[in-house]
Amino acid sequence: MSTPFKIQRLLKAPRQLVWDVYSQAQHLPHWFGPKGSTMPFCDLDFRVGGTFHYSMKTAEGMELWGKWLIREIVEPEKIALIQCFSDPQGNVTRNPWTSTWPLYTHSVTTLQEQGDSTLLTIEWAAHEATAEEQAMFDASHASMTQGWSGNLDVLESYLALLQTP
């Protein structure tokens, strides 16, 4: 069984605002993705059974496509989903860097009120993975921490901008 990846960040923003930037398409291109990336395509159908299909362009110019399959929504507390790489048509594809990355991962994001702030927790695990894919996922926790930390830095900056009078 794969070891789940977990990252937390205390965000200086009310939970409803954090929920909104996670669940509304107009916000996602402003923060979702690594530092320096852009989101040229964003199609969100935010409901159980819905999808989030997107493209990202890295700072180096590489274009990536991804997709969420939304499994559970408990507003404004929890989003559970299956995540995968995709092509522009939304078909599931392999990770462009390594064929041993799990085809699917399961992600649960929770938001807990902490006074005027929100504790965001992301738990991520390989889903329906082979032993080799699980091993790759487990071996990638350090790089996932680095990637998600940068992404959460961008989220923090965006939240601060939204709260600036």
N, C-alpha and C. Protein backbone atom coordinates (compact mmCIF):
# COMPACT_ATOMS: atom_id res chain seq x y z
N MET A 1 0.84 -1.19 0.00
CA MET A 1 0.00 0.00 0.00
C MET A 1 0.89 1.25 0.00
N SER A 2 0.50 2.22 -0.75
CA SER A 2 1.25 3.45 -0.89
C SER A 2 1.19 4.28 0.39
N THR A 3 2.25 5.01 0.65
CA THR A 3 2.27 5.94 1.77
C THR A 3 1.66 7.26 1.30
N PRO A 4 0.60 7.73 1.97
CA PRO A 4 0.00 9.00 1.53
C PRO A 4 0.98 10.17 1.72
N PHE A 5 0.87 11.13 0.83
CA PHE A 5 1.61 12.38 0.91
C PHE A 5 0.70 13.38 1.62
N LYS A 6 1.27 14.19 2.51
CA LYS A 6 0.45 15.17 3.23
C LYS A 6 1.22 16.47 3.33
N ILE A 7 0.52 17.57 3.08
CA ILE A 7 1.10 18.89 3.27
C ILE A 7 0.02 19.79 3.86
N GLN A 8 0.45 20.69 4.75
CA GLN A 8 -0.47 21.63 5.37
C GLN A 8 0.09 23.04 5.27
N ARG A 9 -0.81 24.01 5.28
CA ARG A 9 -0.41 25.41 5.28
C ARG A 9 -1.50 26.20 5.99
N LEU A 10 -1.08 27.04 6.94
CA LEU A 10 -2.01 27.96 7.59
C LEU A 10 -2.07 29.22 6.73
N LEU A 11 -3.23 29.44 6.13
CA LEU A 11 -3.42 30.56 5.22
C LEU A 11 -4.08 31.72 5.95
N LYS A 12 -3.58 32.92 5.75
CA LYS A 12 -4.14 34.11 6.40
C LYS A 12 -5.32 34.62 5.59
N ALA A 13 -6.39 33.82 5.63
CA ALA A 13 -7.60 34.16 4.88
C ALA A 13 -8.76 33.38 5.50
N PRO A 14 -9.97 33.95 5.45
CA PRO A 14 -11.12 33.21 5.96
C PRO A 14 -11.41 31.98 5.09
N ARG A 15 -11.95 30.95 5.73
CA ARG A 15 -12.19 29.69 5.04
C ARG A 15 -13.07 29.87 3.80
N GLN A 16 -14.10 30.70 3.85
CA GLN A 16 -14.97 30.86 2.69
C GLN A 16 -14.21 31.40 1.49
N LEU A 17 -13.27 32.31 1.72
CA LEU A 17 -12.47 32.83 0.60
C LEU A 17 -11.57 31.74 0.02
N VAL A 18 -10.94 30.95 0.89
CA VAL A 18 -10.10 29.85 0.41
C VAL A 18 -10.94 28.87 -0.39
N TRP A 19 -12.14 28.56 0.12
CA TRP A 19 -13.06 27.67 -0.60
C TRP A 19 -13.38 28.24 -1.99
N ASP A 20 -13.67 29.52 -2.03
CA ASP A 20 -14.03 30.16 -3.30
C ASP A 20 -12.90 30.06 -4.33
N VAL A 21 -11.65 30.28 -3.90
CA VAL A 21 -10.55 30.24 -4.88
C VAL A 21 -10.26 28.82 -5.33
N TYR A 22 -10.68 27.83 -4.57
CA TYR A 22 -10.53 26.42 -4.95
C TYR A 22 -11.68 25.94 -5.83
N SER A 23 -12.86 26.55 -5.69
CA SER A 23 -14.06 25.99 -6.30
C SER A 23 -14.67 26.84 -7.42
N GLN A 24 -14.05 27.96 -7.75
CA GLN A 24 -14.58 28.85 -8.80
C GLN A 24 -13.53 29.04 -9.90
N ALA A 25 -13.96 28.78 -11.12
CA ALA A 25 -13.05 28.77 -12.27
C ALA A 25 -12.30 30.08 -12.47
N GLN A 26 -12.91 31.21 -12.15
CA GLN A 26 -12.23 32.49 -12.40
C GLN A 26 -10.99 32.67 -11.52
N HIS A 27 -10.90 31.93 -10.41
CA HIS A 27 -9.75 32.08 -9.51
C HIS A 27 -8.60 31.13 -9.85
N LEU A 28 -8.90 29.95 -10.33
CA LEU A 28 -7.88 28.90 -10.49
C LEU A 28 -6.68 29.33 -11.34
N PRO A 29 -6.84 30.02 -12.45
CA PRO A 29 -5.65 30.41 -13.24
C PRO A 29 -4.69 31.34 -12.50
N HIS A 30 -5.16 31.98 -11.43
CA HIS A 30 -4.33 32.94 -10.70
C HIS A 30 -3.39 32.28 -9.69
N TRP A 31 -3.65 31.01 -9.35
CA TRP A 31 -2.82 30.41 -8.31
C TRP A 31 -2.51 28.92 -8.50
N PHE A 32 -3.30 28.20 -9.27
CA PHE A 32 -3.11 26.76 -9.34
C PHE A 32 -1.99 26.41 -10.31
N GLY A 33 -0.92 25.91 -9.78
CA GLY A 33 0.23 25.52 -10.59
C GLY A 33 1.52 26.03 -9.99
N PRO A 34 2.63 25.51 -10.47
CA PRO A 34 3.94 25.93 -9.95
C PRO A 34 4.21 27.40 -10.20
N LYS A 35 5.10 27.97 -9.39
CA LYS A 35 5.52 29.37 -9.59
C LYS A 35 5.97 29.56 -11.02
N GLY A 36 5.52 30.64 -11.64
CA GLY A 36 5.94 30.95 -12.99
C GLY A 36 5.12 30.30 -14.09
N SER A 37 4.18 29.43 -13.71
CA SER A 37 3.36 28.77 -14.72
C SER A 37 2.11 29.60 -15.02
N THR A 38 1.51 29.32 -16.15
CA THR A 38 0.23 29.94 -16.52
C THR A 38 -0.76 28.84 -16.82
N MET A 39 -2.04 29.20 -16.84
CA MET A 39 -3.11 28.25 -17.13
C MET A 39 -3.90 28.75 -18.34
N PRO A 40 -3.48 28.38 -19.57
CA PRO A 40 -4.17 28.85 -20.77
C PRO A 40 -5.58 28.29 -20.93
N PHE A 41 -5.86 27.12 -20.34
CA PHE A 41 -7.19 26.50 -20.48
C PHE A 41 -7.67 26.05 -19.11
N CYS A 42 -8.93 26.38 -18.79
CA CYS A 42 -9.51 26.04 -17.50
C CYS A 42 -11.00 25.81 -17.69
N ASP A 43 -11.44 24.57 -17.53
CA ASP A 43 -12.86 24.23 -17.64
C ASP A 43 -13.25 23.49 -16.37
N LEU A 44 -14.07 24.13 -15.53
CA LEU A 44 -14.45 23.57 -14.24
C LEU A 44 -15.96 23.35 -14.18
N ASP A 45 -16.34 22.12 -13.88
CA ASP A 45 -17.73 21.76 -13.60
C ASP A 45 -17.73 21.28 -12.15
N PHE A 46 -17.86 22.24 -11.21
CA PHE A 46 -17.66 21.96 -9.79
C PHE A 46 -18.93 21.39 -9.16
N ARG A 47 -19.00 20.07 -9.22
CA ARG A 47 -20.08 19.31 -8.60
C ARG A 47 -19.59 17.87 -8.48
N VAL A 48 -20.23 17.11 -7.59
CA VAL A 48 -19.88 15.70 -7.49
C VAL A 48 -20.18 15.06 -8.85
N GLY A 49 -19.20 14.37 -9.41
CA GLY A 49 -19.32 13.80 -10.75
C GLY A 49 -18.79 14.73 -11.83
N GLY A 50 -18.49 15.97 -11.46
CA GLY A 50 -17.96 16.94 -12.41
C GLY A 50 -16.46 16.80 -12.57
N THR A 51 -15.92 17.66 -13.43
CA THR A 51 -14.48 17.62 -13.72
C THR A 51 -13.88 19.01 -13.71
N PHE A 52 -12.58 19.04 -13.56
CA PHE A 52 -11.77 20.23 -13.77
C PHE A 52 -10.72 19.79 -14.79
N HIS A 53 -10.81 20.32 -16.01
CA HIS A 53 -9.87 19.99 -17.08
C HIS A 53 -9.08 21.26 -17.36
N TYR A 54 -7.76 21.15 -17.37
CA TYR A 54 -6.93 22.35 -17.46
C TYR A 54 -5.63 22.06 -18.20
N SER A 55 -5.03 23.13 -18.68
CA SER A 55 -3.67 23.05 -19.20
C SER A 55 -2.82 24.03 -18.42
N MET A 56 -1.56 23.68 -18.28
CA MET A 56 -0.58 24.55 -17.65
C MET A 56 0.59 24.70 -18.59
N LYS A 57 1.13 25.89 -18.63
CA LYS A 57 2.37 26.13 -19.37
C LYS A 57 3.42 26.50 -18.34
N THR A 58 4.47 25.70 -18.27
CA THR A 58 5.53 25.96 -17.29
C THR A 58 6.34 27.18 -17.70
N ALA A 59 7.12 27.68 -16.76
CA ALA A 59 7.99 28.83 -17.04
C ALA A 59 8.95 28.51 -18.18
N GLU A 60 9.29 27.22 -18.36
CA GLU A 60 10.20 26.80 -19.44
C GLU A 60 9.46 26.61 -20.77
N GLY A 61 8.12 26.75 -20.77
CA GLY A 61 7.35 26.66 -22.00
C GLY A 61 6.71 25.30 -22.27
N MET A 62 6.89 24.33 -21.37
CA MET A 62 6.27 23.01 -21.56
C MET A 62 4.78 23.10 -21.23
N GLU A 63 3.95 22.50 -22.10
CA GLU A 63 2.51 22.49 -21.85
C GLU A 63 2.10 21.14 -21.27
N LEU A 64 1.36 21.18 -20.18
CA LEU A 64 0.85 19.98 -19.51
C LEU A 64 -0.66 20.07 -19.41
N TRP A 65 -1.32 18.94 -19.48
CA TRP A 65 -2.77 18.87 -19.31
C TRP A 65 -3.08 17.97 -18.13
N GLY A 66 -4.12 18.32 -17.40
CA GLY A 66 -4.54 17.52 -16.25
C GLY A 66 -6.04 17.53 -16.10
N LYS A 67 -6.50 16.63 -15.25
CA LYS A 67 -7.94 16.50 -15.05
C LYS A 67 -8.22 16.02 -13.63
N TRP A 68 -9.24 16.61 -13.03
CA TRP A 68 -9.79 16.15 -11.76
C TRP A 68 -11.14 15.50 -12.05
N LEU A 69 -11.43 14.43 -11.37
CA LEU A 69 -12.75 13.80 -11.37
C LEU A 69 -13.27 13.98 -9.95
N ILE A 70 -14.22 14.88 -9.78
CA ILE A 70 -14.66 15.27 -8.44
C ILE A 70 -15.57 14.20 -7.84
N ARG A 71 -15.17 13.68 -6.69
CA ARG A 71 -15.87 12.57 -6.03
C ARG A 71 -16.72 13.01 -4.85
N GLU A 72 -16.27 14.03 -4.11
CA GLU A 72 -16.98 14.45 -2.90
C GLU A 72 -16.76 15.93 -2.67
N ILE A 73 -17.84 16.62 -2.29
CA ILE A 73 -17.78 18.03 -1.94
C ILE A 73 -18.56 18.22 -0.65
N VAL A 74 -17.90 18.77 0.36
CA VAL A 74 -18.57 19.17 1.60
C VAL A 74 -18.21 20.64 1.80
N GLU A 75 -19.09 21.52 1.32
CA GLU A 75 -18.81 22.96 1.35
C GLU A 75 -18.92 23.49 2.76
N PRO A 76 -18.00 24.31 3.22
CA PRO A 76 -16.73 24.75 2.65
C PRO A 76 -15.54 24.01 3.27
N GLU A 77 -15.68 22.71 3.48
CA GLU A 77 -14.70 21.96 4.27
C GLU A 77 -13.82 20.98 3.51
N LYS A 78 -14.37 20.35 2.46
CA LYS A 78 -13.65 19.21 1.91
C LYS A 78 -13.95 19.02 0.42
N ILE A 79 -12.89 18.68 -0.31
CA ILE A 79 -13.00 18.30 -1.73
C ILE A 79 -12.18 17.02 -1.89
N ALA A 80 -12.82 15.97 -2.39
CA ALA A 80 -12.10 14.72 -2.68
C ALA A 80 -12.21 14.46 -4.17
N LEU A 81 -11.10 14.03 -4.77
CA LEU A 81 -11.09 13.86 -6.22
C LEU A 81 -10.05 12.84 -6.65
N ILE A 82 -10.24 12.37 -7.87
CA ILE A 82 -9.24 11.55 -8.55
C ILE A 82 -8.55 12.49 -9.55
N GLN A 83 -7.22 12.44 -9.57
CA GLN A 83 -6.45 13.33 -10.43
C GLN A 83 -5.65 12.50 -11.43
N CYS A 84 -5.52 13.02 -12.64
CA CYS A 84 -4.72 12.33 -13.66
C CYS A 84 -4.18 13.35 -14.65
N PHE A 85 -3.19 12.94 -15.40
CA PHE A 85 -2.74 13.72 -16.54
C PHE A 85 -3.71 13.45 -17.68
N SER A 86 -3.81 14.38 -18.62
CA SER A 86 -4.74 14.19 -19.74
C SER A 86 -4.16 14.80 -21.00
N ASP A 87 -4.91 14.63 -22.07
CA ASP A 87 -4.59 15.32 -23.32
C ASP A 87 -5.59 16.47 -23.48
N PRO A 88 -5.45 17.28 -24.53
CA PRO A 88 -6.36 18.42 -24.70
C PRO A 88 -7.84 18.03 -24.80
N GLN A 89 -8.13 16.79 -25.20
CA GLN A 89 -9.52 16.33 -25.31
C GLN A 89 -10.05 15.78 -23.99
N GLY A 90 -9.20 15.69 -22.97
CA GLY A 90 -9.63 15.19 -21.67
C GLY A 90 -9.42 13.70 -21.46
N ASN A 91 -8.78 13.03 -22.42
CA ASN A 91 -8.48 11.60 -22.27
C ASN A 91 -7.33 11.42 -21.30
N VAL A 92 -7.38 10.37 -20.48
CA VAL A 92 -6.33 10.09 -19.51
C VAL A 92 -5.04 9.71 -20.22
N THR A 93 -3.93 10.30 -19.76
CA THR A 93 -2.61 10.00 -20.32
C THR A 93 -1.63 9.74 -19.18
N ARG A 94 -0.46 9.26 -19.53
CA ARG A 94 0.61 9.02 -18.56
C ARG A 94 1.33 10.33 -18.24
N ASN A 95 1.96 10.34 -17.09
CA ASN A 95 2.83 11.44 -16.70
C ASN A 95 3.89 11.62 -17.80
N PRO A 96 4.12 12.86 -18.26
CA PRO A 96 5.06 13.06 -19.37
C PRO A 96 6.53 12.84 -19.00
N TRP A 97 6.85 12.79 -17.71
CA TRP A 97 8.24 12.62 -17.30
C TRP A 97 8.58 11.17 -16.98
N THR A 98 7.60 10.41 -16.49
CA THR A 98 7.89 9.04 -16.10
C THR A 98 6.67 8.14 -16.27
N SER A 99 6.87 7.03 -16.92
CA SER A 99 5.77 6.08 -17.16
C SER A 99 5.40 5.28 -15.92
N THR A 100 6.20 5.40 -14.86
CA THR A 100 5.90 4.64 -13.65
C THR A 100 5.13 5.44 -12.60
N TRP A 101 4.78 6.70 -12.95
CA TRP A 101 3.91 7.48 -12.05
C TRP A 101 2.51 6.86 -12.13
N PRO A 102 1.77 6.80 -11.01
CA PRO A 102 0.42 6.23 -11.06
C PRO A 102 -0.45 6.94 -12.10
N LEU A 103 -1.24 6.17 -12.82
CA LEU A 103 -2.16 6.75 -13.79
C LEU A 103 -3.17 7.66 -13.08
N TYR A 104 -3.58 7.24 -11.88
CA TYR A 104 -4.54 8.01 -11.08
C TYR A 104 -4.00 8.22 -9.68
N THR A 105 -4.30 9.38 -9.12
CA THR A 105 -4.04 9.63 -7.71
C THR A 105 -5.33 10.12 -7.07
N HIS A 106 -5.44 9.92 -5.77
CA HIS A 106 -6.62 10.34 -5.01
C HIS A 106 -6.18 11.47 -4.09
N SER A 107 -6.89 12.57 -4.13
CA SER A 107 -6.53 13.75 -3.35
C SER A 107 -7.72 14.20 -2.51
N VAL A 108 -7.44 14.52 -1.25
CA VAL A 108 -8.46 15.08 -0.36
C VAL A 108 -7.90 16.39 0.19
N THR A 109 -8.61 17.47 -0.04
CA THR A 109 -8.25 18.78 0.48
C THR A 109 -9.27 19.15 1.55
N THR A 110 -8.79 19.51 2.73
CA THR A 110 -9.68 19.95 3.79
C THR A 110 -9.30 21.36 4.22
N LEU A 111 -10.30 22.10 4.64
CA LEU A 111 -10.13 23.47 5.10
C LEU A 111 -10.74 23.58 6.50
N GLN A 112 -9.91 23.94 7.48
CA GLN A 112 -10.37 24.08 8.85
C GLN A 112 -10.17 25.52 9.31
N GLU A 113 -11.22 26.10 9.89
CA GLU A 113 -11.11 27.45 10.42
C GLU A 113 -10.16 27.47 11.60
N GLN A 114 -9.28 28.46 11.61
CA GLN A 114 -8.34 28.68 12.71
C GLN A 114 -8.38 30.18 13.01
N GLY A 115 -9.41 30.62 13.71
CA GLY A 115 -9.60 32.05 13.95
C GLY A 115 -9.89 32.74 12.63
N ASP A 116 -9.08 33.75 12.30
CA ASP A 116 -9.24 34.48 11.03
C ASP A 116 -8.50 33.79 9.88
N SER A 117 -7.86 32.67 10.17
CA SER A 117 -7.07 31.95 9.17
C SER A 117 -7.73 30.62 8.84
N THR A 118 -7.14 29.92 7.87
CA THR A 118 -7.64 28.62 7.43
C THR A 118 -6.47 27.65 7.33
N LEU A 119 -6.62 26.50 7.98
CA LEU A 119 -5.63 25.44 7.85
C LEU A 119 -6.02 24.58 6.65
N LEU A 120 -5.21 24.64 5.60
CA LEU A 120 -5.42 23.84 4.40
C LEU A 120 -4.57 22.57 4.54
N THR A 121 -5.19 21.43 4.34
CA THR A 121 -4.49 20.15 4.37
C THR A 121 -4.76 19.41 3.08
N ILE A 122 -3.71 18.97 2.42
CA ILE A 122 -3.85 18.15 1.21
C ILE A 122 -3.26 16.78 1.53
N GLU A 123 -4.07 15.75 1.33
CA GLU A 123 -3.60 14.37 1.46
C GLU A 123 -3.76 13.73 0.09
N TRP A 124 -2.69 13.10 -0.38
CA TRP A 124 -2.62 12.63 -1.76
C TRP A 124 -2.06 11.22 -1.74
N ALA A 125 -2.66 10.31 -2.48
CA ALA A 125 -2.20 8.92 -2.51
C ALA A 125 -2.34 8.35 -3.91
N ALA A 126 -1.51 7.35 -4.19
CA ALA A 126 -1.66 6.61 -5.45
C ALA A 126 -3.02 5.91 -5.41
N HIS A 127 -3.66 5.79 -6.57
CA HIS A 127 -5.00 5.19 -6.65
C HIS A 127 -4.97 4.11 -7.74
N GLU A 128 -5.42 2.91 -7.37
CA GLU A 128 -5.44 1.78 -8.31
C GLU A 128 -4.08 1.61 -8.99
N ALA A 129 -3.01 1.70 -8.20
CA ALA A 129 -1.65 1.69 -8.74
C ALA A 129 -1.01 0.31 -8.61
N THR A 130 -0.09 0.05 -9.52
CA THR A 130 0.74 -1.16 -9.42
C THR A 130 1.77 -0.94 -8.30
N ALA A 131 2.45 -1.99 -7.91
CA ALA A 131 3.49 -1.88 -6.88
C ALA A 131 4.59 -0.92 -7.35
N GLU A 132 4.95 -0.99 -8.63
CA GLU A 132 5.97 -0.10 -9.18
C GLU A 132 5.51 1.36 -9.13
N GLU A 133 4.24 1.61 -9.48
CA GLU A 133 3.70 2.97 -9.44
C GLU A 133 3.63 3.48 -7.99
N GLN A 134 3.23 2.62 -7.08
CA GLN A 134 3.18 3.03 -5.66
C GLN A 134 4.57 3.39 -5.16
N ALA A 135 5.57 2.58 -5.54
CA ALA A 135 6.95 2.87 -5.13
C ALA A 135 7.41 4.21 -5.69
N MET A 136 7.08 4.51 -6.95
CA MET A 136 7.44 5.80 -7.56
C MET A 136 6.78 6.95 -6.80
N PHE A 137 5.48 6.80 -6.49
CA PHE A 137 4.76 7.82 -5.74
C PHE A 137 5.44 8.05 -4.39
N ASP A 138 5.71 6.97 -3.67
CA ASP A 138 6.33 7.07 -2.35
C ASP A 138 7.70 7.73 -2.41
N ALA A 139 8.46 7.43 -3.45
CA ALA A 139 9.80 7.99 -3.61
C ALA A 139 9.77 9.47 -4.01
N SER A 140 8.62 9.97 -4.39
CA SER A 140 8.50 11.34 -4.91
C SER A 140 8.02 12.35 -3.87
N HIS A 141 7.86 11.95 -2.63
CA HIS A 141 7.31 12.86 -1.62
C HIS A 141 8.13 14.15 -1.46
N ALA A 142 9.45 14.06 -1.51
CA ALA A 142 10.27 15.27 -1.36
C ALA A 142 10.02 16.26 -2.49
N SER A 143 9.95 15.77 -3.73
CA SER A 143 9.68 16.68 -4.85
C SER A 143 8.25 17.20 -4.81
N MET A 144 7.31 16.38 -4.32
CA MET A 144 5.93 16.85 -4.17
C MET A 144 5.86 17.96 -3.12
N THR A 145 6.62 17.80 -2.04
CA THR A 145 6.66 18.85 -1.01
C THR A 145 7.18 20.15 -1.60
N GLN A 146 8.24 20.05 -2.40
CA GLN A 146 8.80 21.24 -3.03
C GLN A 146 7.79 21.88 -3.98
N GLY A 147 7.17 21.07 -4.83
CA GLY A 147 6.20 21.59 -5.79
C GLY A 147 4.98 22.21 -5.12
N TRP A 148 4.40 21.49 -4.18
CA TRP A 148 3.22 22.01 -3.50
C TRP A 148 3.55 23.23 -2.65
N SER A 149 4.74 23.27 -2.04
CA SER A 149 5.12 24.45 -1.25
C SER A 149 5.15 25.70 -2.12
N GLY A 150 5.74 25.58 -3.31
CA GLY A 150 5.75 26.70 -4.24
C GLY A 150 4.36 27.10 -4.68
N ASN A 151 3.52 26.10 -4.94
CA ASN A 151 2.14 26.36 -5.35
C ASN A 151 1.37 27.06 -4.22
N LEU A 152 1.59 26.63 -2.98
CA LEU A 152 0.91 27.25 -1.85
C LEU A 152 1.42 28.66 -1.59
N ASP A 153 2.69 28.94 -1.93
CA ASP A 153 3.20 30.31 -1.87
C ASP A 153 2.41 31.20 -2.83
N VAL A 154 2.16 30.71 -4.03
CA VAL A 154 1.39 31.46 -5.03
C VAL A 154 -0.04 31.66 -4.51
N LEU A 155 -0.63 30.62 -3.93
CA LEU A 155 -1.99 30.74 -3.36
C LEU A 155 -2.01 31.80 -2.26
N GLU A 156 -1.03 31.79 -1.37
CA GLU A 156 -0.97 32.80 -0.30
C GLU A 156 -0.91 34.22 -0.86
N SER A 157 -0.10 34.42 -1.88
CA SER A 157 0.01 35.74 -2.50
C SER A 157 -1.30 36.18 -3.12
N TYR A 158 -1.97 35.22 -3.79
CA TYR A 158 -3.25 35.54 -4.44
C TYR A 158 -4.31 35.88 -3.37
N LEU A 159 -4.36 35.12 -2.29
CA LEU A 159 -5.31 35.40 -1.20
C LEU A 159 -5.04 36.77 -0.61
N ALA A 160 -3.78 37.12 -0.42
CA ALA A 160 -3.44 38.44 0.12
C ALA A 160 -3.91 39.54 -0.83
N LEU A 161 -3.71 39.33 -2.13
CA LEU A 161 -4.14 40.32 -3.12
C LEU A 161 -5.67 40.51 -3.07
N LEU A 162 -6.41 39.41 -2.94
CA LEU A 162 -7.87 39.50 -2.89
C LEU A 162 -8.37 40.23 -1.64
N GLN A 163 -7.56 40.22 -0.58
CA GLN A 163 -7.98 40.85 0.67
C GLN A 163 -7.44 42.26 0.83
N THR A 164 -6.69 42.76 -0.16
CA THR A 164 -6.15 44.12 -0.12
C THR A 164 -7.26 45.09 -0.47
N PRO A 165 -7.50 46.06 0.41
CA PRO A 165 -8.59 47.04 0.12
C PRO A 165 -8.30 47.91 -1.09
